[in-house]
């Protein structure tokens, strides 16, 4: 795909607006960080084989995770990668219409798959919360889950910012010497949010 070295502020803003409408609970600030993370490391170059590889890896890790905290982390990792995928697709510049059709068809297939996987992952996470808080309305639990995911995504994004630009053979960015695994902070954050919610839940009249 053909890309310029940089995108104009107006082009970046258009990408942010489109992403914010499509990917919840990614906030504007996190969107900016993820898009710039991809721009600085690969100029938003789109490689469907690499995107499919990374997304399917995160999905596999979600469904093989042992705990709720691990599943949340993998879901947020999936969102981080997918946000990058969408931003790369939105920023492709075409020389020929045939090329645009080819990219669009490939993206439509990947996007449809990613949507289905996200729905299944989210449903499983929501079901876990419903077991813990059976008297709570589904809408409230969805809001709680989105809040938790949003907080974890911030931690993951901050940690990924410390990765360098070195890539492995497939083109995936490697962690590097400065990367610090956010797992302990993620686990503590989730447990703290749930503990606070549980306290309020137990105080509420049934």
C-alpha atoms as a PDB file:
ATOM      1  CA  UNK A   1       0.000   0.000   0.000  1.00  0.00           C
ATOM      2  CA  UNK A   2       1.189   3.520  -0.738  1.00  0.00           C
ATOM      3  CA  UNK A   3       1.566   5.862   2.216  1.00  0.00           C
ATOM      4  CA  UNK A   4       3.075   9.261   2.768  1.00  0.00           C
ATOM      5  CA  UNK A   5       5.527   9.564   5.644  1.00  0.00           C
ATOM      6  CA  UNK A   6       3.038  11.581   7.666  1.00  0.00           C
ATOM      7  CA  UNK A   7      -0.655  12.383   7.678  1.00  0.00           C
ATOM      8  CA  UNK A   8      -2.004  15.896   8.047  1.00  0.00           C
ATOM      9  CA  UNK A   9      -3.797  16.857  11.295  1.00  0.00           C
ATOM     10  CA  UNK A  10      -7.061  16.989   9.326  1.00  0.00           C
ATOM     11  CA  UNK A  11      -6.557  13.447   8.029  1.00  0.00           C
ATOM     12  CA  UNK A  12      -5.716  12.158  11.483  1.00  0.00           C
ATOM     13  CA  UNK A  13      -8.818  13.841  12.917  1.00  0.00           C
ATOM     14  CA  UNK A  14     -11.005  12.126  10.315  1.00  0.00           C
ATOM     15  CA  UNK A  15      -9.508   8.774  11.277  1.00  0.00           C
ATOM     16  CA  UNK A  16     -10.092   9.461  14.985  1.00  0.00           C
ATOM     17  CA  UNK A  17     -13.745  10.373  14.371  1.00  0.00           C
ATOM     18  CA  UNK A  18     -14.417   7.223  12.382  1.00  0.00           C
ATOM     19  CA  UNK A  19     -12.661   5.016  14.906  1.00  0.00           C
ATOM     20  CA  UNK A  20     -14.457   6.557  17.879  1.00  0.00           C
ATOM     21  CA  UNK A  21     -17.807   5.757  16.270  1.00  0.00           C
ATOM     22  CA  UNK A  22     -16.882   2.120  15.646  1.00  0.00           C
ATOM     23  CA  UNK A  23     -14.743   0.937  18.542  1.00  0.00           C
ATOM     24  CA  UNK A  24     -16.085   1.100  22.090  1.00  0.00           C
ATOM     25  CA  UNK A  25     -14.776   1.727  24.755  1.00  0.00           C
ATOM     26  CA  UNK A  26     -11.745   3.309  23.087  1.00  0.00           C
ATOM     27  CA  UNK A  27     -11.571   6.956  24.173  1.00  0.00           C
ATOM     28  CA  UNK A  28     -10.326   9.832  22.033  1.00  0.00           C
ATOM     29  CA  UNK A  29      -7.066  10.075  23.985  1.00  0.00           C
ATOM     30  CA  UNK A  30      -6.333   6.369  23.635  1.00  0.00           C
ATOM     31  CA  UNK A  31      -7.300   6.506  19.955  1.00  0.00           C
ATOM     32  CA  UNK A  32      -4.750   9.221  19.323  1.00  0.00           C
ATOM     33  CA  UNK A  33      -2.057   7.238  21.119  1.00  0.00           C
ATOM     34  CA  UNK A  34      -2.789   3.994  19.244  1.00  0.00           C
ATOM     35  CA  UNK A  35      -2.951   5.646  15.822  1.00  0.00           C
ATOM     36  CA  UNK A  36       0.282   7.532  16.442  1.00  0.00           C
ATOM     37  CA  UNK A  37       1.886   4.370  17.826  1.00  0.00           C
ATOM     38  CA  UNK A  38       1.185   2.610  14.533  1.00  0.00           C
ATOM     39  CA  UNK A  39       2.097   5.651  12.454  1.00  0.00           C
ATOM     40  CA  UNK A  40       5.474   6.081  14.161  1.00  0.00           C
ATOM     41  CA  UNK A  41       6.401   2.395  13.860  1.00  0.00           C
ATOM     42  CA  UNK A  42       5.116   1.373  10.449  1.00  0.00           C
ATOM     43  CA  UNK A  43       3.648   4.532   8.851  1.00  0.00           C
ATOM     44  CA  UNK A  44       0.193   2.910   9.102  1.00  0.00           C
ATOM     45  CA  UNK A  45       1.160   0.352   6.465  1.00  0.00           C
ATOM     46  CA  UNK A  46      -1.590  -2.246   6.061  1.00  0.00           C
ATOM     47  CA  UNK A  47      -0.647  -5.927   5.822  1.00  0.00           C
ATOM     48  CA  UNK A  48      -3.744  -8.114   6.043  1.00  0.00           C
ATOM     49  CA  UNK A  49      -1.741 -11.259   6.744  1.00  0.00           C
ATOM     50  CA  UNK A  50      -0.070  -9.614   9.724  1.00  0.00           C
ATOM     51  CA  UNK A  51      -3.337  -8.103  10.990  1.00  0.00           C
ATOM     52  CA  UNK A  52      -5.093 -11.483  10.804  1.00  0.00           C
ATOM     53  CA  UNK A  53      -2.171 -13.146  12.556  1.00  0.00           C
ATOM     54  CA  UNK A  54      -2.096 -10.635  15.421  1.00  0.00           C
ATOM     55  CA  UNK A  55      -5.858 -10.530  15.912  1.00  0.00           C
ATOM     56  CA  UNK A  56      -6.243 -14.309  15.863  1.00  0.00           C
ATOM     57  CA  UNK A  57      -3.411 -14.627  18.387  1.00  0.00           C
ATOM     58  CA  UNK A  58      -5.225 -12.301  20.795  1.00  0.00           C
ATOM     59  CA  UNK A  59      -8.496 -14.178  20.266  1.00  0.00           C
ATOM     60  CA  UNK A  60      -6.795 -17.503  20.949  1.00  0.00           C
ATOM     61  CA  UNK A  61      -5.205 -16.140  24.131  1.00  0.00           C
ATOM     62  CA  UNK A  62      -8.603 -14.885  25.293  1.00  0.00           C
ATOM     63  CA  UNK A  63     -10.326 -18.236  24.870  1.00  0.00           C
ATOM     64  CA  UNK A  64      -7.459 -20.119  26.511  1.00  0.00           C
ATOM     65  CA  UNK A  65      -7.153 -17.705  29.466  1.00  0.00           C
ATOM     66  CA  UNK A  66      -7.771 -19.110  32.937  1.00  0.00           C
ATOM     67  CA  UNK A  67      -9.147 -16.079  34.783  1.00  0.00           C
ATOM     68  CA  UNK A  68     -11.500 -13.159  34.253  1.00  0.00           C
ATOM     69  CA  UNK A  69      -8.591 -10.743  34.655  1.00  0.00           C
ATOM     70  CA  UNK A  70      -6.621 -12.524  31.933  1.00  0.00           C
ATOM     71  CA  UNK A  71      -9.626 -12.501  29.616  1.00  0.00           C
ATOM     72  CA  UNK A  72     -10.088  -8.763  30.123  1.00  0.00           C
ATOM     73  CA  UNK A  73      -6.435  -8.188  29.295  1.00  0.00           C
ATOM     74  CA  UNK A  74      -6.661 -10.251  26.101  1.00  0.00           C
ATOM     75  CA  UNK A  75      -9.880  -8.503  25.060  1.00  0.00           C
ATOM     76  CA  UNK A  76      -8.180  -5.140  25.532  1.00  0.00           C
ATOM     77  CA  UNK A  77      -5.151  -6.396  23.583  1.00  0.00           C
ATOM     78  CA  UNK A  78      -7.532  -7.385  20.794  1.00  0.00           C
ATOM     79  CA  UNK A  79      -9.003  -3.862  20.826  1.00  0.00           C
ATOM     80  CA  UNK A  80      -5.523  -2.325  20.674  1.00  0.00           C
ATOM     81  CA  UNK A  81      -4.625  -4.358  17.606  1.00  0.00           C
ATOM     82  CA  UNK A  82      -8.008  -3.873  15.941  1.00  0.00           C
ATOM     83  CA  UNK A  83      -7.897  -0.118  16.458  1.00  0.00           C
ATOM     84  CA  UNK A  84      -4.607  -0.155  14.613  1.00  0.00           C
ATOM     85  CA  UNK A  85      -6.124  -2.297  11.861  1.00  0.00           C
ATOM     86  CA  UNK A  86      -8.991   0.125  11.308  1.00  0.00           C
ATOM     87  CA  UNK A  87      -6.709   3.159  11.360  1.00  0.00           C
ATOM     88  CA  UNK A  88      -4.452   1.557   8.750  1.00  0.00           C
ATOM     89  CA  UNK A  89      -7.414   0.763   6.531  1.00  0.00           C
ATOM     90  CA  UNK A  90      -8.749   4.318   6.839  1.00  0.00           C
ATOM     91  CA  UNK A  91      -5.398   5.837   5.898  1.00  0.00           C
ATOM     92  CA  UNK A  92      -4.639   3.806   2.762  1.00  0.00           C
ATOM     93  CA  UNK A  93      -4.012   5.981  -0.291  1.00  0.00           C
ATOM     94  CA  UNK A  94      -4.834   4.483  -3.667  1.00  0.00           C
ATOM     95  CA  UNK A  95      -3.429   4.975  -7.131  1.00  0.00           C
ATOM     96  CA  UNK A  96      -6.022   2.769  -8.825  1.00  0.00           C
ATOM     97  CA  UNK A  97      -9.670   1.970  -8.198  1.00  0.00           C
ATOM     98  CA  UNK A  98      -9.011  -1.748  -8.631  1.00  0.00           C
ATOM     99  CA  UNK A  99      -6.585  -1.602  -5.737  1.00  0.00           C
ATOM    100  CA  UNK A 100      -9.208   0.055  -3.556  1.00  0.00           C
ATOM    101  CA  UNK A 101     -11.709  -2.707  -4.350  1.00  0.00           C
ATOM    102  CA  UNK A 102      -9.175  -5.369  -3.476  1.00  0.00           C
ATOM    103  CA  UNK A 103      -8.338  -3.754  -0.146  1.00  0.00           C
ATOM    104  CA  UNK A 104     -11.999  -3.142   0.656  1.00  0.00           C
ATOM    105  CA  UNK A 105     -12.972  -6.777   0.091  1.00  0.00           C
ATOM    106  CA  UNK A 106     -10.131  -8.030   2.258  1.00  0.00           C
ATOM    107  CA  UNK A 107     -10.946  -5.528   4.998  1.00  0.00           C
ATOM    108  CA  UNK A 108     -14.648  -6.362   4.909  1.00  0.00           C
ATOM    109  CA  UNK A 109     -13.871 -10.051   5.520  1.00  0.00           C
ATOM    110  CA  UNK A 110     -11.417  -9.295   8.339  1.00  0.00           C
ATOM    111  CA  UNK A 111     -13.732  -6.741   9.916  1.00  0.00           C
ATOM    112  CA  UNK A 112     -16.695  -9.140   9.852  1.00  0.00           C
ATOM    113  CA  UNK A 113     -14.633 -11.839  11.532  1.00  0.00           C
ATOM    114  CA  UNK A 114     -13.274  -9.415  14.139  1.00  0.00           C
ATOM    115  CA  UNK A 115     -16.788  -8.166  14.905  1.00  0.00           C
ATOM    116  CA  UNK A 116     -18.077 -11.695  15.508  1.00  0.00           C
ATOM    117  CA  UNK A 117     -15.125 -12.566  17.720  1.00  0.00           C
ATOM    118  CA  UNK A 118     -15.478  -9.366  19.748  1.00  0.00           C
ATOM    119  CA  UNK A 119     -19.184 -10.068  20.276  1.00  0.00           C
ATOM    120  CA  UNK A 120     -18.449 -13.576  21.560  1.00  0.00           C
ATOM    121  CA  UNK A 121     -15.671 -12.393  23.862  1.00  0.00           C
ATOM    122  CA  UNK A 122     -17.767  -9.567  25.249  1.00  0.00           C
ATOM    123  CA  UNK A 123     -20.722 -11.903  25.854  1.00  0.00           C
ATOM    124  CA  UNK A 124     -18.526 -14.297  27.832  1.00  0.00           C
ATOM    125  CA  UNK A 125     -17.130 -11.468  29.940  1.00  0.00           C
ATOM    126  CA  UNK A 126     -20.622 -10.137  30.590  1.00  0.00           C
ATOM    127  CA  UNK A 127     -21.826 -13.609  31.575  1.00  0.00           C
ATOM    128  CA  UNK A 128     -19.070 -13.792  34.191  1.00  0.00           C
ATOM    129  CA  UNK A 129     -20.214 -10.522  35.728  1.00  0.00           C
ATOM    130  CA  UNK A 130     -23.834 -11.675  35.659  1.00  0.00           C
ATOM    131  CA  UNK A 131     -22.875 -14.713  37.726  1.00  0.00           C
ATOM    132  CA  UNK A 132     -21.165 -12.482  40.280  1.00  0.00           C
ATOM    133  CA  UNK A 133     -23.951  -9.894  40.415  1.00  0.00           C
ATOM    134  CA  UNK A 134     -27.161 -11.774  39.513  1.00  0.00           C
ATOM    135  CA  UNK A 135     -29.539  -9.055  40.704  1.00  0.00           C
ATOM    136  CA  UNK A 136     -27.974  -6.300  38.620  1.00  0.00           C
ATOM    137  CA  UNK A 137     -29.566  -5.145  35.374  1.00  0.00           C
ATOM    138  CA  UNK A 138     -27.715  -6.073  32.193  1.00  0.00           C
ATOM    139  CA  UNK A 139     -27.323  -2.448  31.121  1.00  0.00           C
ATOM    140  CA  UNK A 140     -25.547  -1.568  34.346  1.00  0.00           C
ATOM    141  CA  UNK A 141     -23.229  -4.555  34.028  1.00  0.00           C
ATOM    142  CA  UNK A 142     -22.410  -3.606  30.447  1.00  0.00           C
ATOM    143  CA  UNK A 143     -21.442  -0.143  31.621  1.00  0.00           C
ATOM    144  CA  UNK A 144     -19.282  -1.662  34.357  1.00  0.00           C
ATOM    145  CA  UNK A 145     -17.601  -3.994  31.868  1.00  0.00           C
ATOM    146  CA  UNK A 146     -16.938  -1.215  29.380  1.00  0.00           C
ATOM    147  CA  UNK A 147     -15.426   0.893  32.155  1.00  0.00           C
ATOM    148  CA  UNK A 148     -13.125  -1.958  33.220  1.00  0.00           C
ATOM    149  CA  UNK A 149     -12.047  -2.633  29.638  1.00  0.00           C
ATOM    150  CA  UNK A 150     -11.402   1.064  29.070  1.00  0.00           C
ATOM    151  CA  UNK A 151      -9.169   1.300  32.138  1.00  0.00           C
ATOM    152  CA  UNK A 152      -7.227  -1.810  31.157  1.00  0.00           C
ATOM    153  CA  UNK A 153      -6.815  -0.570  27.597  1.00  0.00           C
ATOM    154  CA  UNK A 154      -5.230   2.606  28.952  1.00  0.00           C
ATOM    155  CA  UNK A 155      -2.688   0.529  30.889  1.00  0.00           C
ATOM    156  CA  UNK A 156      -1.918  -1.611  27.840  1.00  0.00           C
ATOM    157  CA  UNK A 157      -1.529   1.424  25.608  1.00  0.00           C
ATOM    158  CA  UNK A 158       0.805   3.118  28.085  1.00  0.00           C
ATOM    159  CA  UNK A 159       2.904  -0.041  28.321  1.00  0.00           C
ATOM    160  CA  UNK A 160       3.053  -0.462  24.548  1.00  0.00           C
ATOM    161  CA  UNK A 161       4.302   3.097  24.180  1.00  0.00           C
ATOM    162  CA  UNK A 162       7.560   1.883  25.715  1.00  0.00           C
ATOM    163  CA  UNK A 163       8.101  -0.665  22.970  1.00  0.00           C
ATOM    164  CA  UNK A 164      10.708   0.204  20.392  1.00  0.00           C
ATOM    165  CA  UNK A 165      10.447  -0.070  16.623  1.00  0.00           C
ATOM    166  CA  UNK A 166      12.198  -3.405  16.142  1.00  0.00           C
ATOM    167  CA  UNK A 167      10.088  -6.041  14.369  1.00  0.00           C
ATOM    168  CA  UNK A 168      10.135  -9.813  14.253  1.00  0.00           C
ATOM    169  CA  UNK A 169      10.189 -11.809  11.003  1.00  0.00           C
ATOM    170  CA  UNK A 170       6.420 -11.414  10.534  1.00  0.00           C
ATOM    171  CA  UNK A 171       6.543  -7.636  10.968  1.00  0.00           C
ATOM    172  CA  UNK A 172       5.130  -7.523  14.497  1.00  0.00           C
ATOM    173  CA  UNK A 173       6.637  -4.951  16.872  1.00  0.00           C
ATOM    174  CA  UNK A 174       8.774  -6.617  19.558  1.00  0.00           C
ATOM    175  CA  UNK A 175       8.582  -5.695  23.228  1.00  0.00           C
ATOM    176  CA  UNK A 176      12.152  -4.480  23.670  1.00  0.00           C
ATOM    177  CA  UNK A 177      14.239  -3.786  26.770  1.00  0.00           C
ATOM    178  CA  UNK A 178      12.173  -0.859  28.086  1.00  0.00           C
ATOM    179  CA  UNK A 179       8.842  -2.682  27.988  1.00  0.00           C
ATOM    180  CA  UNK A 180       7.283  -3.465  31.377  1.00  0.00           C
ATOM    181  CA  UNK A 181       4.484  -6.030  31.468  1.00  0.00           C
ATOM    182  CA  UNK A 182       1.370  -4.262  32.836  1.00  0.00           C
ATOM    183  CA  UNK A 183      -0.144  -7.562  34.052  1.00  0.00           C
ATOM    184  CA  UNK A 184       0.220  -6.858  37.819  1.00  0.00           C
ATOM    185  CA  UNK A 185      -1.275  -3.376  37.469  1.00  0.00           C
ATOM    186  CA  UNK A 186      -4.067  -4.724  35.259  1.00  0.00           C
ATOM    187  CA  UNK A 187      -4.975  -7.392  37.805  1.00  0.00           C
ATOM    188  CA  UNK A 188      -4.900  -4.881  40.672  1.00  0.00           C
ATOM    189  CA  UNK A 189      -7.026  -2.372  38.733  1.00  0.00           C
ATOM    190  CA  UNK A 190      -9.703  -4.931  37.857  1.00  0.00           C
ATOM    191  CA  UNK A 191      -9.851  -6.326  41.357  1.00  0.00           C
ATOM    192  CA  UNK A 192     -10.083  -2.836  42.841  1.00  0.00           C
ATOM    193  CA  UNK A 193     -12.948  -1.824  40.546  1.00  0.00           C
ATOM    194  CA  UNK A 194     -14.851  -5.040  41.229  1.00  0.00           C
ATOM    195  CA  UNK A 195     -14.273  -4.779  44.986  1.00  0.00           C
ATOM    196  CA  UNK A 196     -15.663  -1.239  45.016  1.00  0.00           C
ATOM    197  CA  UNK A 197     -18.638  -2.284  42.931  1.00  0.00           C
ATOM    198  CA  UNK A 198     -19.257  -5.328  45.118  1.00  0.00           C
ATOM    199  CA  UNK A 199     -19.337  -3.157  48.237  1.00  0.00           C
ATOM    200  CA  UNK A 200     -21.963  -0.886  46.698  1.00  0.00           C
ATOM    201  CA  UNK A 201     -23.842  -3.902  45.336  1.00  0.00           C
ATOM    202  CA  UNK A 202     -24.085  -5.510  48.751  1.00  0.00           C
ATOM    203  CA  UNK A 203     -25.295  -2.277  50.319  1.00  0.00           C
ATOM    204  CA  UNK A 204     -28.027  -1.806  47.734  1.00  0.00           C
ATOM    205  CA  UNK A 205     -31.507  -3.076  48.634  1.00  0.00           C
ATOM    206  CA  UNK A 206     -32.661  -6.087  46.614  1.00  0.00           C
END
